[in-house]
């Protein structure tokens, strides 16, 4: 479990400069890691071909590439965030097409298309129906990938006291379900519970649910994202109080 980050002040509006800086640093680090991994894999292939005769070397190289691409791990985790904003504002942000926890995606996407079937002006309103599509281009625009997001929010009372032992003072004001798909396959799933804090702010509990398997190539990229996670949220007015992420088979 990570140590608490520095406390975010009373500023609530997103610091766009800080957000752009954090996402830019993330992109540079992620690209550096991706290229390093690709070069290491290429070097291992050449070494296998050089050390062995041609066809055995090709076979070993093929097995190595398959091992790197084989889906072997699932990612799960929890995080608790703290903000000075009231629950209504937090619910509105998380139930939008740009949830704060997905800033690494929407802030760097080439295009974000949003569909909102219902307003979220207060924590008591139903904000289900929000959806968005993030479009990314690669290889100088020759390849395009779309990430589809579905967001559903509901009143915390709908849980029937099933969270935190059902104590009324600990029940969420609202819950937000975030589901992402890419190419028709599950990409990520988040459950968000928003609670009011004693000082008028909010506490946000985020659960990352395992919905897909990652190959070994994604592990270094995941470590890079963890490095800048708190910075990206701080730029949006959220403090990471605690966070725990694990990789399981």
Protein backbone atom coordinates (compact mmCIF):
# COMPACT_ATOMS: atom_id res chain seq x y z
CA UNK A 1 0.00 0.00 0.00
CA UNK A 2 1.45 3.33 -1.00
CA UNK A 3 2.16 6.14 1.42
CA UNK A 4 -0.16 9.15 1.47
CA UNK A 5 0.70 11.88 -0.99
CA UNK A 6 1.00 15.57 -0.17
CA UNK A 7 -2.29 17.19 0.73
CA UNK A 8 -4.08 18.98 -2.08
CA UNK A 9 -5.17 22.49 -1.19
CA UNK A 10 -8.57 24.07 -1.50
CA UNK A 11 -8.15 24.58 -5.26
CA UNK A 12 -10.87 22.69 -7.07
CA UNK A 13 -10.56 23.66 -10.70
CA UNK A 14 -8.27 21.42 -12.70
CA UNK A 15 -4.78 22.83 -13.10
CA UNK A 16 -4.52 22.24 -16.83
CA UNK A 17 -0.83 23.11 -16.99
CA UNK A 18 -0.02 20.61 -14.25
CA UNK A 19 -2.23 17.97 -15.90
CA UNK A 20 -0.59 18.50 -19.31
CA UNK A 21 2.85 18.32 -17.70
CA UNK A 22 2.08 15.09 -15.83
CA UNK A 23 0.54 13.38 -18.87
CA UNK A 24 3.41 14.55 -21.09
CA UNK A 25 5.97 13.10 -18.67
CA UNK A 26 3.98 9.88 -18.56
CA UNK A 27 3.91 9.63 -22.35
CA UNK A 28 7.65 10.22 -22.64
CA UNK A 29 8.43 7.61 -19.99
CA UNK A 30 5.93 5.12 -21.44
CA UNK A 31 7.41 5.47 -24.93
CA UNK A 32 10.94 5.11 -23.61
CA UNK A 33 9.98 1.92 -21.76
CA UNK A 34 8.15 0.53 -24.81
CA UNK A 35 11.08 1.19 -27.14
CA UNK A 36 13.56 -0.25 -24.64
CA UNK A 37 11.51 -3.42 -24.32
CA UNK A 38 11.20 -3.71 -28.10
CA UNK A 39 14.96 -3.30 -28.54
CA UNK A 40 15.67 -5.88 -25.84
CA UNK A 41 13.31 -8.35 -27.53
CA UNK A 42 14.94 -7.72 -30.91
CA UNK A 43 18.38 -8.20 -29.36
CA UNK A 44 17.29 -11.49 -27.79
CA UNK A 45 15.97 -12.70 -31.16
CA UNK A 46 19.23 -11.82 -32.91
CA UNK A 47 21.23 -13.48 -30.14
CA UNK A 48 19.18 -16.66 -30.46
CA UNK A 49 19.64 -16.77 -34.23
CA UNK A 50 23.38 -16.06 -33.91
CA UNK A 51 24.02 -18.59 -31.15
CA UNK A 52 22.09 -21.37 -32.86
CA UNK A 53 21.69 -22.39 -36.46
CA UNK A 54 19.08 -20.47 -38.44
CA UNK A 55 15.93 -22.51 -37.95
CA UNK A 56 16.47 -23.50 -34.31
CA UNK A 57 17.27 -19.84 -33.62
CA UNK A 58 14.08 -18.75 -35.37
CA UNK A 59 12.09 -21.28 -33.31
CA UNK A 60 13.57 -20.01 -30.04
CA UNK A 61 12.91 -16.42 -31.09
CA UNK A 62 9.31 -17.30 -31.93
CA UNK A 63 8.79 -18.89 -28.53
CA UNK A 64 10.26 -15.81 -26.86
CA UNK A 65 7.90 -13.49 -28.71
CA UNK A 66 4.93 -15.70 -27.88
CA UNK A 67 5.91 -15.65 -24.20
CA UNK A 68 6.00 -11.85 -24.22
CA UNK A 69 2.57 -11.62 -25.85
CA UNK A 70 0.80 -14.39 -23.93
CA UNK A 71 -1.92 -13.02 -21.60
CA UNK A 72 -0.77 -14.13 -18.17
CA UNK A 73 -1.68 -11.53 -15.55
CA UNK A 74 -4.73 -9.75 -14.24
CA UNK A 75 -4.61 -6.38 -12.53
CA UNK A 76 -6.69 -5.49 -9.48
CA UNK A 77 -6.49 -2.79 -6.86
CA UNK A 78 -8.11 -0.20 -4.64
CA UNK A 79 -7.51 3.47 -3.98
CA UNK A 80 -8.90 6.06 -1.58
CA UNK A 81 -8.95 9.66 -2.75
CA UNK A 82 -9.66 12.82 -0.81
CA UNK A 83 -10.87 16.14 -2.19
CA UNK A 84 -12.23 19.42 -0.89
CA UNK A 85 -15.06 19.33 -3.43
CA UNK A 86 -18.58 18.39 -2.26
CA UNK A 87 -19.99 14.96 -3.25
CA UNK A 88 -22.24 16.46 -5.96
CA UNK A 89 -19.20 17.83 -7.80
CA UNK A 90 -17.26 14.58 -7.43
CA UNK A 91 -20.15 12.48 -8.74
CA UNK A 92 -20.53 14.82 -11.70
CA UNK A 93 -16.82 14.47 -12.54
CA UNK A 94 -16.67 10.69 -12.21
CA UNK A 95 -19.97 10.17 -14.06
CA UNK A 96 -18.78 12.21 -17.03
CA UNK A 97 -17.07 11.04 -20.19
CA UNK A 98 -13.75 12.12 -18.66
CA UNK A 99 -13.47 10.44 -15.23
CA UNK A 100 -10.47 11.75 -13.25
CA UNK A 101 -8.97 8.26 -12.88
CA UNK A 102 -8.79 7.86 -16.68
CA UNK A 103 -6.86 11.06 -17.39
CA UNK A 104 -4.00 9.05 -18.89
CA UNK A 105 -6.47 8.06 -21.61
CA UNK A 106 -8.69 11.08 -22.34
CA UNK A 107 -5.93 13.67 -21.85
CA UNK A 108 -3.75 12.07 -24.54
CA UNK A 109 -6.46 10.82 -26.92
CA UNK A 110 -6.54 12.32 -30.41
CA UNK A 111 -10.31 12.73 -30.12
CA UNK A 112 -12.91 12.32 -27.35
CA UNK A 113 -16.54 11.91 -28.34
CA UNK A 114 -19.04 12.14 -25.47
CA UNK A 115 -22.72 11.23 -25.19
CA UNK A 116 -24.56 12.27 -22.03
CA UNK A 117 -28.18 11.09 -21.72
CA UNK A 118 -28.81 12.75 -18.38
CA UNK A 119 -27.45 15.68 -16.35
CA UNK A 120 -25.68 15.17 -13.05
CA UNK A 121 -26.33 18.41 -11.20
CA UNK A 122 -26.53 16.81 -7.76
CA UNK A 123 -25.51 13.61 -6.03
CA UNK A 124 -29.17 12.57 -5.81
CA UNK A 125 -29.80 12.46 -9.53
CA UNK A 126 -29.39 9.41 -11.72
CA UNK A 127 -26.52 10.02 -14.12
CA UNK A 128 -26.69 6.68 -15.93
CA UNK A 129 -26.30 6.77 -19.67
CA UNK A 130 -23.05 8.72 -19.97
CA UNK A 131 -20.76 7.31 -22.63
CA UNK A 132 -17.61 8.32 -24.47
CA UNK A 133 -15.23 7.08 -27.14
CA UNK A 134 -11.52 7.84 -27.02
CA UNK A 135 -9.71 7.61 -30.33
CA UNK A 136 -5.96 7.03 -30.57
CA UNK A 137 -3.82 6.91 -33.71
CA UNK A 138 -0.51 5.11 -34.11
CA UNK A 139 2.12 4.62 -36.80
CA UNK A 140 1.71 8.13 -38.22
CA UNK A 141 -2.04 7.74 -38.37
CA UNK A 142 -2.00 4.41 -40.20
CA UNK A 143 -3.57 2.58 -37.25
CA UNK A 144 -6.50 3.79 -35.16
CA UNK A 145 -7.70 2.30 -31.87
CA UNK A 146 -10.95 3.22 -30.14
CA UNK A 147 -11.69 2.85 -26.44
CA UNK A 148 -15.41 2.88 -25.61
CA UNK A 149 -16.48 3.98 -22.14
CA UNK A 150 -19.82 3.39 -20.42
CA UNK A 151 -20.57 5.16 -17.13
CA UNK A 152 -23.55 4.52 -14.85
CA UNK A 153 -24.20 6.37 -11.59
CA UNK A 154 -26.79 5.61 -8.93
CA UNK A 155 -27.87 6.85 -5.52
CA UNK A 156 -25.92 5.18 -2.70
CA UNK A 157 -29.16 4.11 -1.03
CA UNK A 158 -29.66 1.66 -3.88
CA UNK A 159 -26.97 -0.51 -2.29
CA UNK A 160 -29.23 -1.30 0.63
CA UNK A 161 -26.44 -0.74 3.14
CA UNK A 162 -24.26 -3.45 1.63
CA UNK A 163 -21.11 -1.33 1.76
CA UNK A 164 -19.00 -0.90 4.91
CA UNK A 165 -21.30 -2.99 7.05
CA UNK A 166 -24.36 -0.93 6.24
CA UNK A 167 -23.64 1.88 8.71
CA UNK A 168 -25.76 4.84 7.52
CA UNK A 169 -23.02 7.42 8.13
CA UNK A 170 -20.62 5.40 5.98
CA UNK A 171 -22.92 4.69 3.09
CA UNK A 172 -21.91 6.24 -0.24
CA UNK A 173 -23.80 9.30 -1.39
CA UNK A 174 -23.59 7.77 -4.86
CA UNK A 175 -21.83 4.99 -6.72
CA UNK A 176 -20.39 5.12 -10.23
CA UNK A 177 -19.71 2.11 -12.44
CA UNK A 178 -17.18 2.65 -15.23
CA UNK A 179 -16.77 0.01 -17.94
CA UNK A 180 -14.31 0.24 -20.81
CA UNK A 181 -14.08 -1.89 -23.94
CA UNK A 182 -11.60 -1.86 -26.81
CA UNK A 183 -12.28 -3.75 -30.01
CA UNK A 184 -15.34 -5.31 -28.43
CA UNK A 185 -13.28 -6.82 -25.60
CA UNK A 186 -13.18 -5.78 -21.92
CA UNK A 187 -10.55 -3.14 -21.24
CA UNK A 188 -11.15 -2.07 -17.64
CA UNK A 189 -13.84 -1.94 -14.97
CA UNK A 190 -14.04 0.45 -12.01
CA UNK A 191 -16.45 0.77 -9.10
CA UNK A 192 -16.43 4.19 -7.45
CA UNK A 193 -18.13 5.05 -4.13
CA UNK A 194 -18.43 8.72 -3.17
CA UNK A 195 -18.92 9.72 0.49
CA UNK A 196 -19.22 13.06 2.19
CA UNK A 197 -16.40 14.01 4.57
CA UNK A 198 -16.86 15.66 7.95
CA UNK A 199 -15.18 18.87 6.77
CA UNK A 200 -17.51 19.26 3.80
CA UNK A 201 -15.25 17.61 1.23
CA UNK A 202 -15.49 14.09 -0.15
CA UNK A 203 -13.86 10.69 0.15
CA UNK A 204 -13.73 8.57 -2.99
CA UNK A 205 -13.14 4.81 -2.88
CA UNK A 206 -12.09 3.30 -6.20
CA UNK A 207 -11.95 -0.41 -6.95
CA UNK A 208 -10.21 -1.69 -10.08
CA UNK A 209 -11.78 -4.97 -11.10
CA UNK A 210 -9.87 -7.57 -13.13
CA UNK A 211 -11.58 -7.90 -16.52
CA UNK A 212 -8.74 -8.83 -18.87
CA UNK A 213 -5.33 -10.43 -18.89
CA UNK A 214 -2.12 -8.58 -19.64
CA UNK A 215 1.01 -9.89 -21.29
CA UNK A 216 4.51 -9.33 -20.00
CA UNK A 217 5.00 -6.32 -22.27
CA UNK A 218 2.42 -4.37 -20.26
CA UNK A 219 4.12 -4.75 -16.89
CA UNK A 220 6.73 -1.99 -17.41
CA UNK A 221 4.04 0.32 -18.82
CA UNK A 222 1.92 -0.31 -15.75
CA UNK A 223 4.81 0.68 -13.50
CA UNK A 224 5.17 3.94 -15.41
CA UNK A 225 1.47 4.72 -14.95
CA UNK A 226 1.77 4.05 -11.21
CA UNK A 227 4.62 6.54 -11.03
CA UNK A 228 2.50 9.42 -12.34
CA UNK A 229 -0.91 8.38 -10.98
CA UNK A 230 -0.85 10.71 -7.94
CA UNK A 231 0.47 13.64 -9.99
CA UNK A 232 -2.35 13.39 -12.54
CA UNK A 233 -5.01 13.23 -9.83
CA UNK A 234 -3.44 16.08 -7.84
CA UNK A 235 -3.68 18.26 -10.94
CA UNK A 236 -7.44 17.60 -10.86
CA UNK A 237 -7.80 18.39 -7.15
CA UNK A 238 -7.64 14.89 -5.67
CA UNK A 239 -5.23 13.59 -3.04
CA UNK A 240 -4.28 9.90 -3.11
CA UNK A 241 -4.65 8.91 0.55
CA UNK A 242 -3.82 5.25 -0.02
CA UNK A 243 -3.51 2.91 -2.97
CA UNK A 244 -2.85 -0.77 -3.47
CA UNK A 245 -2.43 -2.52 -6.83
CA UNK A 246 -1.49 -6.15 -7.46
CA UNK A 247 -0.93 -8.42 -10.43
CA UNK A 248 -2.37 -11.91 -10.22
CA UNK A 249 -2.46 -14.88 -12.56
